[in-house]
């Protein structure tokens, strides 16, 4: 069986779901609606409220758009397969899903790295901040993040599509580029894929991680030399970003551990194994609106002017719960 004859892939990750599939479907539906609603509301608020047209909130808007983009690449197909007995996907859709999910991860991490650099400039160089981080530069940075990720994974996907495949079974609930490459008939054909994939991981993870670490080292250095009030302000500004960053990094680590190393995950129950594989695609888009939309006072204030009364009450209740926690 080669790539020209292969018309579909089989996703074997659904095989042990059984009669609980309808319960999982309801949970996923509620989760997906919540993600779409929360991220859409915050995008609308940031776009409509002129006082939020600042670098930090524009980066947040890009983050929320990316969360919608990533979840749309996963949830509709996941929910359809849960209630269906047919777990096959066409090769075209499989490659499209790979592109969406991989670019989502790259954009998310790059966006978080740029946001950490933005916080570094705001805290360490407050007087020069507005001259350095202009709206034009913010727009350029956002465009570079998205276009760079699209270009990089277009090349990686083209290298995958050219492979001759001798199988179509993937032990996952969504299409994964690494698993497709493992289906190649000849390991010698995958050498370029592995080299490019390694370079892609370095560029997508190492470079943003270095930016994040250096930015927070500088922020920490400044905070230690400052008064308590300045430290508290810096902490309140950076804590949502750190929460989002740690959650996403944890999710990506779990996914990498499952895809590349089978032994540590061999004794994990199937349901938990499946949940961990989609953790960064489910929990991150739900966490971001909570940590940014609920904790950041300026966004909450903007919501009160723009959103209907019922939505404001929900937001106030969420804020109260968040403070109690």
C-alpha atoms as a PDB file:
ATOM      1  CA  UNK A   1       0.000   0.000   0.000  1.00  0.00           C
ATOM      2  CA  UNK A   2       1.592   3.339  -1.015  1.00  0.00           C
ATOM      3  CA  UNK A   3       0.630   6.978  -0.638  1.00  0.00           C
ATOM      4  CA  UNK A   4      -1.072   7.145  -4.030  1.00  0.00           C
ATOM      5  CA  UNK A   5      -3.406   4.236  -3.141  1.00  0.00           C
ATOM      6  CA  UNK A   6      -4.045   5.285   0.455  1.00  0.00           C
ATOM      7  CA  UNK A   7      -7.383   7.088   0.704  1.00  0.00           C
ATOM      8  CA  UNK A   8      -8.061   6.998   4.446  1.00  0.00           C
ATOM      9  CA  UNK A   9      -6.616   6.500   7.919  1.00  0.00           C
ATOM     10  CA  UNK A  10      -8.145   4.560  10.817  1.00  0.00           C
ATOM     11  CA  UNK A  11      -8.082   6.215  14.243  1.00  0.00           C
ATOM     12  CA  UNK A  12      -7.810   3.326  16.719  1.00  0.00           C
ATOM     13  CA  UNK A  13      -7.984   5.532  19.805  1.00  0.00           C
ATOM     14  CA  UNK A  14     -11.789   5.200  19.880  1.00  0.00           C
ATOM     15  CA  UNK A  15     -11.854   1.402  20.129  1.00  0.00           C
ATOM     16  CA  UNK A  16     -12.252   1.127  23.951  1.00  0.00           C
ATOM     17  CA  UNK A  17     -14.825   3.874  24.509  1.00  0.00           C
ATOM     18  CA  UNK A  18     -17.837   1.548  24.503  1.00  0.00           C
ATOM     19  CA  UNK A  19     -21.219   2.567  25.922  1.00  0.00           C
ATOM     20  CA  UNK A  20     -19.774   5.669  27.639  1.00  0.00           C
ATOM     21  CA  UNK A  21     -19.451   7.449  24.307  1.00  0.00           C
ATOM     22  CA  UNK A  22     -22.657   9.461  24.755  1.00  0.00           C
ATOM     23  CA  UNK A  23     -21.538  10.717  28.154  1.00  0.00           C
ATOM     24  CA  UNK A  24     -18.194  11.765  26.651  1.00  0.00           C
ATOM     25  CA  UNK A  25     -20.048  13.423  23.782  1.00  0.00           C
ATOM     26  CA  UNK A  26     -22.134  15.542  26.198  1.00  0.00           C
ATOM     27  CA  UNK A  27     -19.018  16.545  28.169  1.00  0.00           C
ATOM     28  CA  UNK A  28     -17.151  17.511  24.991  1.00  0.00           C
ATOM     29  CA  UNK A  29     -20.138  19.472  23.681  1.00  0.00           C
ATOM     30  CA  UNK A  30     -20.368  21.517  26.884  1.00  0.00           C
ATOM     31  CA  UNK A  31     -16.605  22.037  26.859  1.00  0.00           C
ATOM     32  CA  UNK A  32     -16.509  23.087  23.195  1.00  0.00           C
ATOM     33  CA  UNK A  33     -19.451  25.502  23.541  1.00  0.00           C
ATOM     34  CA  UNK A  34     -17.802  27.030  26.625  1.00  0.00           C
ATOM     35  CA  UNK A  35     -14.487  27.474  24.804  1.00  0.00           C
ATOM     36  CA  UNK A  36     -16.091  29.040  21.725  1.00  0.00           C
ATOM     37  CA  UNK A  37     -18.320  31.319  23.804  1.00  0.00           C
ATOM     38  CA  UNK A  38     -15.613  32.528  26.219  1.00  0.00           C
ATOM     39  CA  UNK A  39     -12.940  33.158  23.575  1.00  0.00           C
ATOM     40  CA  UNK A  40     -15.384  34.810  21.160  1.00  0.00           C
ATOM     41  CA  UNK A  41     -16.692  37.161  23.875  1.00  0.00           C
ATOM     42  CA  UNK A  42     -13.178  38.282  24.793  1.00  0.00           C
ATOM     43  CA  UNK A  43     -12.185  38.789  21.145  1.00  0.00           C
ATOM     44  CA  UNK A  44     -15.281  40.959  20.597  1.00  0.00           C
ATOM     45  CA  UNK A  45     -14.632  42.951  23.784  1.00  0.00           C
ATOM     46  CA  UNK A  46     -10.995  43.645  22.867  1.00  0.00           C
ATOM     47  CA  UNK A  47     -11.911  44.626  19.299  1.00  0.00           C
ATOM     48  CA  UNK A  48     -14.788  46.919  20.318  1.00  0.00           C
ATOM     49  CA  UNK A  49     -13.225  48.627  23.336  1.00  0.00           C
ATOM     50  CA  UNK A  50     -10.683  51.237  22.178  1.00  0.00           C
ATOM     51  CA  UNK A  51      -9.026  51.400  25.614  1.00  0.00           C
ATOM     52  CA  UNK A  52      -7.918  47.782  25.090  1.00  0.00           C
ATOM     53  CA  UNK A  53      -6.136  48.566  21.830  1.00  0.00           C
ATOM     54  CA  UNK A  54      -2.793  48.211  23.575  1.00  0.00           C
ATOM     55  CA  UNK A  55       0.035  45.719  22.867  1.00  0.00           C
ATOM     56  CA  UNK A  56      -0.762  43.313  25.710  1.00  0.00           C
ATOM     57  CA  UNK A  57      -4.445  43.028  24.797  1.00  0.00           C
ATOM     58  CA  UNK A  58      -3.729  42.700  21.073  1.00  0.00           C
ATOM     59  CA  UNK A  59      -1.424  39.772  21.846  1.00  0.00           C
ATOM     60  CA  UNK A  60      -4.224  38.331  23.984  1.00  0.00           C
ATOM     61  CA  UNK A  61      -6.642  38.714  21.083  1.00  0.00           C
ATOM     62  CA  UNK A  62      -4.229  36.754  18.881  1.00  0.00           C
ATOM     63  CA  UNK A  63      -4.044  34.098  21.612  1.00  0.00           C
ATOM     64  CA  UNK A  64      -7.847  33.786  21.816  1.00  0.00           C
ATOM     65  CA  UNK A  65      -8.175  33.570  18.018  1.00  0.00           C
ATOM     66  CA  UNK A  66      -5.570  30.805  17.984  1.00  0.00           C
ATOM     67  CA  UNK A  67      -7.456  28.916  20.707  1.00  0.00           C
ATOM     68  CA  UNK A  68     -10.600  28.986  18.547  1.00  0.00           C
ATOM     69  CA  UNK A  69      -8.538  27.898  15.545  1.00  0.00           C
ATOM     70  CA  UNK A  70      -6.981  24.934  17.377  1.00  0.00           C
ATOM     71  CA  UNK A  71     -10.159  23.649  19.030  1.00  0.00           C
ATOM     72  CA  UNK A  72     -12.054  23.836  15.726  1.00  0.00           C
ATOM     73  CA  UNK A  73      -9.407  21.534  14.276  1.00  0.00           C
ATOM     74  CA  UNK A  74     -10.111  18.939  16.975  1.00  0.00           C
ATOM     75  CA  UNK A  75     -13.569  19.091  18.595  1.00  0.00           C
ATOM     76  CA  UNK A  76     -15.994  18.716  15.633  1.00  0.00           C
ATOM     77  CA  UNK A  77     -14.190  15.622  14.329  1.00  0.00           C
ATOM     78  CA  UNK A  78     -13.715  14.223  17.841  1.00  0.00           C
ATOM     79  CA  UNK A  79     -17.414  14.588  18.679  1.00  0.00           C
ATOM     80  CA  UNK A  80     -18.470  13.058  15.351  1.00  0.00           C
ATOM     81  CA  UNK A  81     -16.252  10.000  15.798  1.00  0.00           C
ATOM     82  CA  UNK A  82     -17.437   9.476  19.373  1.00  0.00           C
ATOM     83  CA  UNK A  83     -21.024   8.751  18.321  1.00  0.00           C
ATOM     84  CA  UNK A  84     -20.091   7.000  15.082  1.00  0.00           C
ATOM     85  CA  UNK A  85     -18.985   3.438  14.488  1.00  0.00           C
ATOM     86  CA  UNK A  86     -16.812   4.542  11.582  1.00  0.00           C
ATOM     87  CA  UNK A  87     -13.474   5.894  12.775  1.00  0.00           C
ATOM     88  CA  UNK A  88     -11.863   6.422   9.400  1.00  0.00           C
ATOM     89  CA  UNK A  89     -10.811   9.803   8.040  1.00  0.00           C
ATOM     90  CA  UNK A  90      -9.815  10.722   4.519  1.00  0.00           C
ATOM     91  CA  UNK A  91      -6.141  11.414   3.865  1.00  0.00           C
ATOM     92  CA  UNK A  92      -6.976  14.984   2.846  1.00  0.00           C
ATOM     93  CA  UNK A  93      -8.794  15.723   6.090  1.00  0.00           C
ATOM     94  CA  UNK A  94      -6.112  13.958   8.129  1.00  0.00           C
ATOM     95  CA  UNK A  95      -3.349  16.111   6.645  1.00  0.00           C
ATOM     96  CA  UNK A  96      -5.478  19.230   7.153  1.00  0.00           C
ATOM     97  CA  UNK A  97      -6.013  18.338  10.813  1.00  0.00           C
ATOM     98  CA  UNK A  98      -2.287  17.759  11.275  1.00  0.00           C
ATOM     99  CA  UNK A  99      -1.575  21.188   9.799  1.00  0.00           C
ATOM    100  CA  UNK A 100      -4.126  22.942  12.033  1.00  0.00           C
ATOM    101  CA  UNK A 101      -3.077  21.236  15.276  1.00  0.00           C
ATOM    102  CA  UNK A 102       0.651  21.652  14.702  1.00  0.00           C
ATOM    103  CA  UNK A 103       0.381  25.291  13.678  1.00  0.00           C
ATOM    104  CA  UNK A 104      -1.884  25.895  16.687  1.00  0.00           C
ATOM    105  CA  UNK A 105       0.836  24.622  19.021  1.00  0.00           C
ATOM    106  CA  UNK A 106       3.555  26.666  17.345  1.00  0.00           C
ATOM    107  CA  UNK A 107       1.485  29.872  17.329  1.00  0.00           C
ATOM    108  CA  UNK A 108       0.463  29.407  20.972  1.00  0.00           C
ATOM    109  CA  UNK A 109       4.009  28.979  22.226  1.00  0.00           C
ATOM    110  CA  UNK A 110       5.399  31.782  20.047  1.00  0.00           C
ATOM    111  CA  UNK A 111       2.576  34.090  21.157  1.00  0.00           C
ATOM    112  CA  UNK A 112       3.333  33.354  24.820  1.00  0.00           C
ATOM    113  CA  UNK A 113       7.022  34.062  24.188  1.00  0.00           C
ATOM    114  CA  UNK A 114       6.262  37.450  22.621  1.00  0.00           C
ATOM    115  CA  UNK A 115       3.908  38.247  25.504  1.00  0.00           C
ATOM    116  CA  UNK A 116       6.686  37.514  28.011  1.00  0.00           C
ATOM    117  CA  UNK A 117       8.995  39.868  26.093  1.00  0.00           C
ATOM    118  CA  UNK A 118       6.224  42.492  26.123  1.00  0.00           C
ATOM    119  CA  UNK A 119       5.912  42.171  29.927  1.00  0.00           C
ATOM    120  CA  UNK A 120       9.702  42.450  30.223  1.00  0.00           C
ATOM    121  CA  UNK A 121       9.686  45.747  28.311  1.00  0.00           C
ATOM    122  CA  UNK A 122       6.691  47.085  30.274  1.00  0.00           C
ATOM    123  CA  UNK A 123       8.251  46.305  33.665  1.00  0.00           C
ATOM    124  CA  UNK A 124      11.957  46.924  32.992  1.00  0.00           C
ATOM    125  CA  UNK A 125      11.655  49.857  30.563  1.00  0.00           C
ATOM    126  CA  UNK A 126       8.348  51.577  31.426  1.00  0.00           C
ATOM    127  CA  UNK A 127       9.392  55.006  30.103  1.00  0.00           C
ATOM    128  CA  UNK A 128      10.542  53.698  26.714  1.00  0.00           C
ATOM    129  CA  UNK A 129       7.817  51.043  26.410  1.00  0.00           C
ATOM    130  CA  UNK A 130       5.384  53.037  24.251  1.00  0.00           C
ATOM    131  CA  UNK A 131       8.167  54.016  21.848  1.00  0.00           C
ATOM    132  CA  UNK A 132       9.447  50.446  21.525  1.00  0.00           C
ATOM    133  CA  UNK A 133       6.192  48.493  21.416  1.00  0.00           C
ATOM    134  CA  UNK A 134       4.180  50.559  18.939  1.00  0.00           C
ATOM    135  CA  UNK A 135       0.930  49.285  17.410  1.00  0.00           C
ATOM    136  CA  UNK A 136       2.656  48.802  14.039  1.00  0.00           C
ATOM    137  CA  UNK A 137       5.329  46.609  15.622  1.00  0.00           C
ATOM    138  CA  UNK A 138       2.713  44.639  17.517  1.00  0.00           C
ATOM    139  CA  UNK A 139       0.809  43.941  14.288  1.00  0.00           C
ATOM    140  CA  UNK A 140       4.050  42.929  12.550  1.00  0.00           C
ATOM    141  CA  UNK A 141       4.960  40.563  15.397  1.00  0.00           C
ATOM    142  CA  UNK A 142       1.519  38.931  15.319  1.00  0.00           C
ATOM    143  CA  UNK A 143       1.687  38.492  11.530  1.00  0.00           C
ATOM    144  CA  UNK A 144       5.201  37.036  11.753  1.00  0.00           C
ATOM    145  CA  UNK A 145       4.073  34.531  14.422  1.00  0.00           C
ATOM    146  CA  UNK A 146       1.189  33.263  12.277  1.00  0.00           C
ATOM    147  CA  UNK A 147       2.910  33.343   8.869  1.00  0.00           C
ATOM    148  CA  UNK A 148       6.104  31.744  10.202  1.00  0.00           C
ATOM    149  CA  UNK A 149       4.134  28.853  11.726  1.00  0.00           C
ATOM    150  CA  UNK A 150       2.089  28.355   8.551  1.00  0.00           C
ATOM    151  CA  UNK A 151       5.198  28.380   6.336  1.00  0.00           C
ATOM    152  CA  UNK A 152       7.193  26.050   8.598  1.00  0.00           C
ATOM    153  CA  UNK A 153       4.495  23.390   8.864  1.00  0.00           C
ATOM    154  CA  UNK A 154       3.560  23.663   5.178  1.00  0.00           C
ATOM    155  CA  UNK A 155       7.083  22.442   4.425  1.00  0.00           C
ATOM    156  CA  UNK A 156       6.890  19.731   7.092  1.00  0.00           C
ATOM    157  CA  UNK A 157       3.519  18.503   5.823  1.00  0.00           C
ATOM    158  CA  UNK A 158       4.752  18.432   2.218  1.00  0.00           C
ATOM    159  CA  UNK A 159       7.610  16.172   3.358  1.00  0.00           C
ATOM    160  CA  UNK A 160       5.069  13.852   5.010  1.00  0.00           C
ATOM    161  CA  UNK A 161       2.703  13.733   2.025  1.00  0.00           C
ATOM    162  CA  UNK A 162       5.493  12.564  -0.304  1.00  0.00           C
ATOM    163  CA  UNK A 163       6.109   9.406   1.771  1.00  0.00           C
ATOM    164  CA  UNK A 164       4.978   5.973   0.637  1.00  0.00           C
ATOM    165  CA  UNK A 165       2.911   4.466   3.444  1.00  0.00           C
ATOM    166  CA  UNK A 166       2.489   0.761   4.234  1.00  0.00           C
ATOM    167  CA  UNK A 167      -0.296   1.124   6.782  1.00  0.00           C
ATOM    168  CA  UNK A 168      -3.140   3.415   7.772  1.00  0.00           C
ATOM    169  CA  UNK A 169      -3.745   2.639  11.486  1.00  0.00           C
ATOM    170  CA  UNK A 170      -3.024   5.334  14.103  1.00  0.00           C
ATOM    171  CA  UNK A 171      -3.496   4.634  17.818  1.00  0.00           C
ATOM    172  CA  UNK A 172      -4.906   8.069  18.584  1.00  0.00           C
ATOM    173  CA  UNK A 173      -8.182  10.007  18.448  1.00  0.00           C
ATOM    174  CA  UNK A 174      -6.786  12.552  15.995  1.00  0.00           C
ATOM    175  CA  UNK A 175      -4.231  12.581  13.190  1.00  0.00           C
ATOM    176  CA  UNK A 176      -0.611  13.009  14.213  1.00  0.00           C
ATOM    177  CA  UNK A 177       2.276  13.780  11.882  1.00  0.00           C
ATOM    178  CA  UNK A 178       4.757  11.657  13.837  1.00  0.00           C
ATOM    179  CA  UNK A 179       2.488   8.601  13.610  1.00  0.00           C
ATOM    180  CA  UNK A 180       2.002   9.100   9.866  1.00  0.00           C
ATOM    181  CA  UNK A 181       5.786   9.224   9.367  1.00  0.00           C
ATOM    182  CA  UNK A 182       6.084   5.963  11.358  1.00  0.00           C
ATOM    183  CA  UNK A 183       3.804   4.316   8.771  1.00  0.00           C
ATOM    184  CA  UNK A 184       6.351   4.923   5.990  1.00  0.00           C
ATOM    185  CA  UNK A 185       7.387   1.807   4.068  1.00  0.00           C
ATOM    186  CA  UNK A 186      11.088   2.684   4.193  1.00  0.00           C
ATOM    187  CA  UNK A 187      12.887   4.288   7.131  1.00  0.00           C
ATOM    188  CA  UNK A 188      15.457   5.746   4.735  1.00  0.00           C
ATOM    189  CA  UNK A 189      12.703   7.893   3.194  1.00  0.00           C
ATOM    190  CA  UNK A 190      11.988   9.499   6.567  1.00  0.00           C
ATOM    191  CA  UNK A 191      15.524  10.837   7.192  1.00  0.00           C
ATOM    192  CA  UNK A 192      14.683  14.291   5.847  1.00  0.00           C
ATOM    193  CA  UNK A 193      11.442  14.324   7.855  1.00  0.00           C
ATOM    194  CA  UNK A 194      13.298  13.521  11.078  1.00  0.00           C
ATOM    195  CA  UNK A 195      15.993  16.145  10.508  1.00  0.00           C
ATOM    196  CA  UNK A 196      13.460  18.825   9.588  1.00  0.00           C
ATOM    197  CA  UNK A 197      11.209  17.769  12.480  1.00  0.00           C
ATOM    198  CA  UNK A 198      14.118  18.095  14.927  1.00  0.00           C
ATOM    199  CA  UNK A 199      14.979  21.536  13.555  1.00  0.00           C
ATOM    200  CA  UNK A 200      11.298  22.463  13.777  1.00  0.00           C
ATOM    201  CA  UNK A 201      11.151  21.465  17.458  1.00  0.00           C
ATOM    202  CA  UNK A 202      14.244  23.559  18.183  1.00  0.00           C
ATOM    203  CA  UNK A 203      12.764  26.596  16.435  1.00  0.00           C
ATOM    204  CA  UNK A 204       9.257  26.118  17.854  1.00  0.00           C
ATOM    205  CA  UNK A 205      10.233  25.271  21.437  1.00  0.00           C
ATOM    206  CA  UNK A 206      13.831  26.187  22.223  1.00  0.00           C
ATOM    207  CA  UNK A 207      13.841  29.728  20.800  1.00  0.00           C
ATOM    208  CA  UNK A 208      10.533  30.773  22.471  1.00  0.00           C
ATOM    209  CA  UNK A 209      11.615  29.068  25.709  1.00  0.00           C
ATOM    210  CA  UNK A 210      14.904  30.974  25.782  1.00  0.00           C
ATOM    211  CA  UNK A 211      12.980  34.220  25.199  1.00  0.00           C
ATOM    212  CA  UNK A 212      10.585  33.410  28.044  1.00  0.00           C
ATOM    213  CA  UNK A 213      13.309  32.372  30.516  1.00  0.00           C
ATOM    214  CA  UNK A 214      15.511  35.409  29.816  1.00  0.00           C
ATOM    215  CA  UNK A 215      12.527  37.771  30.030  1.00  0.00           C
ATOM    216  CA  UNK A 216      11.453  36.444  33.426  1.00  0.00           C
ATOM    217  CA  UNK A 217      15.006  36.415  34.772  1.00  0.00           C
ATOM    218  CA  UNK A 218      15.192  40.131  33.953  1.00  0.00           C
ATOM    219  CA  UNK A 219      11.741  40.759  35.455  1.00  0.00           C
ATOM    220  CA  UNK A 220      12.671  38.863  38.628  1.00  0.00           C
ATOM    221  CA  UNK A 221      15.929  40.819  38.930  1.00  0.00           C
ATOM    222  CA  UNK A 222      14.076  44.133  38.688  1.00  0.00           C
ATOM    223  CA  UNK A 223      11.379  43.009  41.149  1.00  0.00           C
ATOM    224  CA  UNK A 224      13.937  41.985  43.780  1.00  0.00           C
ATOM    225  CA  UNK A 225      15.417  45.479  43.655  1.00  0.00           C
ATOM    226  CA  UNK A 226      12.030  47.221  43.800  1.00  0.00           C
ATOM    227  CA  UNK A 227       9.584  48.057  46.574  1.00  0.00           C
ATOM    228  CA  UNK A 228       6.803  45.700  47.703  1.00  0.00           C
ATOM    229  CA  UNK A 229       4.134  47.636  45.788  1.00  0.00           C
ATOM    230  CA  UNK A 230       6.062  47.308  42.530  1.00  0.00           C
ATOM    231  CA  UNK A 231       6.567  43.590  43.146  1.00  0.00           C
ATOM    232  CA  UNK A 232       2.855  43.054  43.726  1.00  0.00           C
ATOM    233  CA  UNK A 233       1.977  44.949  40.552  1.00  0.00           C
ATOM    234  CA  UNK A 234       4.480  42.937  38.511  1.00  0.00           C
ATOM    235  CA  UNK A 235       3.186  39.677  39.997  1.00  0.00           C
ATOM    236  CA  UNK A 236      -0.456  40.524  39.246  1.00  0.00           C
ATOM    237  CA  UNK A 237       0.540  41.384  35.655  1.00  0.00           C
ATOM    238  CA  UNK A 238       2.655  38.289  35.065  1.00  0.00           C
ATOM    239  CA  UNK A 239       0.727  35.619  37.016  1.00  0.00           C
ATOM    240  CA  UNK A 240      -1.959  35.011  34.317  1.00  0.00           C
ATOM    241  CA  UNK A 241       0.765  34.660  31.689  1.00  0.00           C
ATOM    242  CA  UNK A 242       2.767  32.249  33.858  1.00  0.00           C
ATOM    243  CA  UNK A 243      -0.343  30.143  34.575  1.00  0.00           C
ATOM    244  CA  UNK A 244      -1.120  29.892  30.851  1.00  0.00           C
ATOM    245  CA  UNK A 245       2.505  29.150  29.985  1.00  0.00           C
ATOM    246  CA  UNK A 246       2.927  26.389  32.582  1.00  0.00           C
ATOM    247  CA  UNK A 247      -0.377  24.763  31.626  1.00  0.00           C
ATOM    248  CA  UNK A 248       0.461  24.726  27.921  1.00  0.00           C
ATOM    249  CA  UNK A 249       4.025  23.485  28.517  1.00  0.00           C
ATOM    250  CA  UNK A 250       2.684  20.677  30.723  1.00  0.00           C
ATOM    251  CA  UNK A 251       0.174  19.661  28.042  1.00  0.00           C
ATOM    252  CA  UNK A 252       2.806  19.677  25.294  1.00  0.00           C
ATOM    253  CA  UNK A 253       5.161  17.611  27.467  1.00  0.00           C
ATOM    254  CA  UNK A 254       2.440  14.979  27.991  1.00  0.00           C
ATOM    255  CA  UNK A 255       1.739  14.832  24.255  1.00  0.00           C
ATOM    256  CA  UNK A 256       5.451  14.534  23.427  1.00  0.00           C
ATOM    257  CA  UNK A 257       5.875  11.812  26.058  1.00  0.00           C
ATOM    258  CA  UNK A 258       2.996   9.790  24.594  1.00  0.00           C
ATOM    259  CA  UNK A 259       4.006  10.174  20.957  1.00  0.00           C
ATOM    260  CA  UNK A 260       7.746   9.563  21.271  1.00  0.00           C
ATOM    261  CA  UNK A 261       8.034   7.277  24.307  1.00  0.00           C
ATOM    262  CA  UNK A 262       5.606   4.384  24.650  1.00  0.00           C
ATOM    263  CA  UNK A 263       7.102   2.695  27.744  1.00  0.00           C
ATOM    264  CA  UNK A 264       6.231   5.308  30.437  1.00  0.00           C
ATOM    265  CA  UNK A 265       2.582   5.396  29.282  1.00  0.00           C
ATOM    266  CA  UNK A 266       2.083   1.647  28.814  1.00  0.00           C
ATOM    267  CA  UNK A 267       0.317   1.056  32.158  1.00  0.00           C
ATOM    268  CA  UNK A 268      -1.903   4.156  31.949  1.00  0.00           C
ATOM    269  CA  UNK A 269      -5.672   3.400  31.511  1.00  0.00           C
ATOM    270  CA  UNK A 270      -6.953   3.977  27.978  1.00  0.00           C
ATOM    271  CA  UNK A 271      -9.381   6.772  28.931  1.00  0.00           C
ATOM    272  CA  UNK A 272      -6.674   8.665  30.840  1.00  0.00           C
ATOM    273  CA  UNK A 273      -4.219   8.044  28.016  1.00  0.00           C
ATOM    274  CA  UNK A 274      -6.669   9.607  25.548  1.00  0.00           C
ATOM    275  CA  UNK A 275      -7.402  12.571  27.821  1.00  0.00           C
ATOM    276  CA  UNK A 276      -3.697  13.312  28.299  1.00  0.00           C
ATOM    277  CA  UNK A 277      -3.153  13.249  24.527  1.00  0.00           C
ATOM    278  CA  UNK A 278      -5.709  16.044  24.002  1.00  0.00           C
ATOM    279  CA  UNK A 279      -5.023  17.948  27.246  1.00  0.00           C
ATOM    280  CA  UNK A 280      -3.205  20.868  25.624  1.00  0.00           C
ATOM    281  CA  UNK A 281      -5.977  21.194  23.015  1.00  0.00           C
ATOM    282  CA  UNK A 282      -8.837  21.185  25.544  1.00  0.00           C
ATOM    283  CA  UNK A 283      -7.624  22.762  28.775  1.00  0.00           C
ATOM    284  CA  UNK A 284      -5.475  25.560  27.343  1.00  0.00           C
ATOM    285  CA  UNK A 285      -8.296  27.222  25.305  1.00  0.00           C
ATOM    286  CA  UNK A 286     -10.553  27.013  28.366  1.00  0.00           C
ATOM    287  CA  UNK A 287      -7.938  28.259  30.840  1.00  0.00           C
ATOM    288  CA  UNK A 288      -6.873  31.338  28.859  1.00  0.00           C
ATOM    289  CA  UNK A 289     -10.243  33.152  29.024  1.00  0.00           C
ATOM    290  CA  UNK A 290     -10.423  32.402  32.751  1.00  0.00           C
ATOM    291  CA  UNK A 291      -6.949  33.598  33.754  1.00  0.00           C
ATOM    292  CA  UNK A 292      -7.003  36.641  31.466  1.00  0.00           C
ATOM    293  CA  UNK A 293     -10.675  37.544  31.234  1.00  0.00           C
ATOM    294  CA  UNK A 294     -11.535  37.058  34.901  1.00  0.00           C
ATOM    295  CA  UNK A 295      -8.311  38.154  36.602  1.00  0.00           C
ATOM    296  CA  UNK A 296      -7.482  41.241  34.512  1.00  0.00           C
ATOM    297  CA  UNK A 297      -9.452  44.229  35.843  1.00  0.00           C
ATOM    298  CA  UNK A 298      -9.310  46.230  32.613  1.00  0.00           C
ATOM    299  CA  UNK A 299     -10.981  43.460  30.617  1.00  0.00           C
ATOM    300  CA  UNK A 300     -13.629  42.965  33.303  1.00  0.00           C
ATOM    301  CA  UNK A 301     -14.364  46.691  33.259  1.00  0.00           C
ATOM    302  CA  UNK A 302     -14.654  46.699  29.460  1.00  0.00           C
ATOM    303  CA  UNK A 303     -17.054  43.738  29.629  1.00  0.00           C
ATOM    304  CA  UNK A 304     -19.393  45.723  31.882  1.00  0.00           C
ATOM    305  CA  UNK A 305     -19.781  48.425  29.225  1.00  0.00           C
ATOM    306  CA  UNK A 306     -20.188  46.093  26.250  1.00  0.00           C
ATOM    307  CA  UNK A 307     -21.851  42.857  27.409  1.00  0.00           C
ATOM    308  CA  UNK A 308     -25.549  42.447  28.304  1.00  0.00           C
ATOM    309  CA  UNK A 309     -26.521  42.419  32.003  1.00  0.00           C
ATOM    310  CA  UNK A 310     -26.899  38.613  32.152  1.00  0.00           C
ATOM    311  CA  UNK A 311     -23.357  38.091  30.873  1.00  0.00           C
ATOM    312  CA  UNK A 312     -22.041  40.680  33.332  1.00  0.00           C
ATOM    313  CA  UNK A 313     -23.636  38.759  36.221  1.00  0.00           C
ATOM    314  CA  UNK A 314     -21.975  35.548  35.041  1.00  0.00           C
ATOM    315  CA  UNK A 315     -18.630  37.341  34.845  1.00  0.00           C
ATOM    316  CA  UNK A 316     -19.051  38.791  38.340  1.00  0.00           C
ATOM    317  CA  UNK A 317     -19.885  35.338  39.710  1.00  0.00           C
ATOM    318  CA  UNK A 318     -16.813  33.876  38.002  1.00  0.00           C
ATOM    319  CA  UNK A 319     -14.663  36.635  39.488  1.00  0.00           C
ATOM    320  CA  UNK A 320     -16.025  35.936  42.992  1.00  0.00           C
ATOM    321  CA  UNK A 321     -15.353  32.199  42.634  1.00  0.00           C
ATOM    322  CA  UNK A 322     -11.852  32.886  41.319  1.00  0.00           C
ATOM    323  CA  UNK A 323     -11.045  35.128  44.315  1.00  0.00           C
ATOM    324  CA  UNK A 324     -12.313  32.513  46.764  1.00  0.00           C
ATOM    325  CA  UNK A 325     -10.103  29.903  45.132  1.00  0.00           C
END
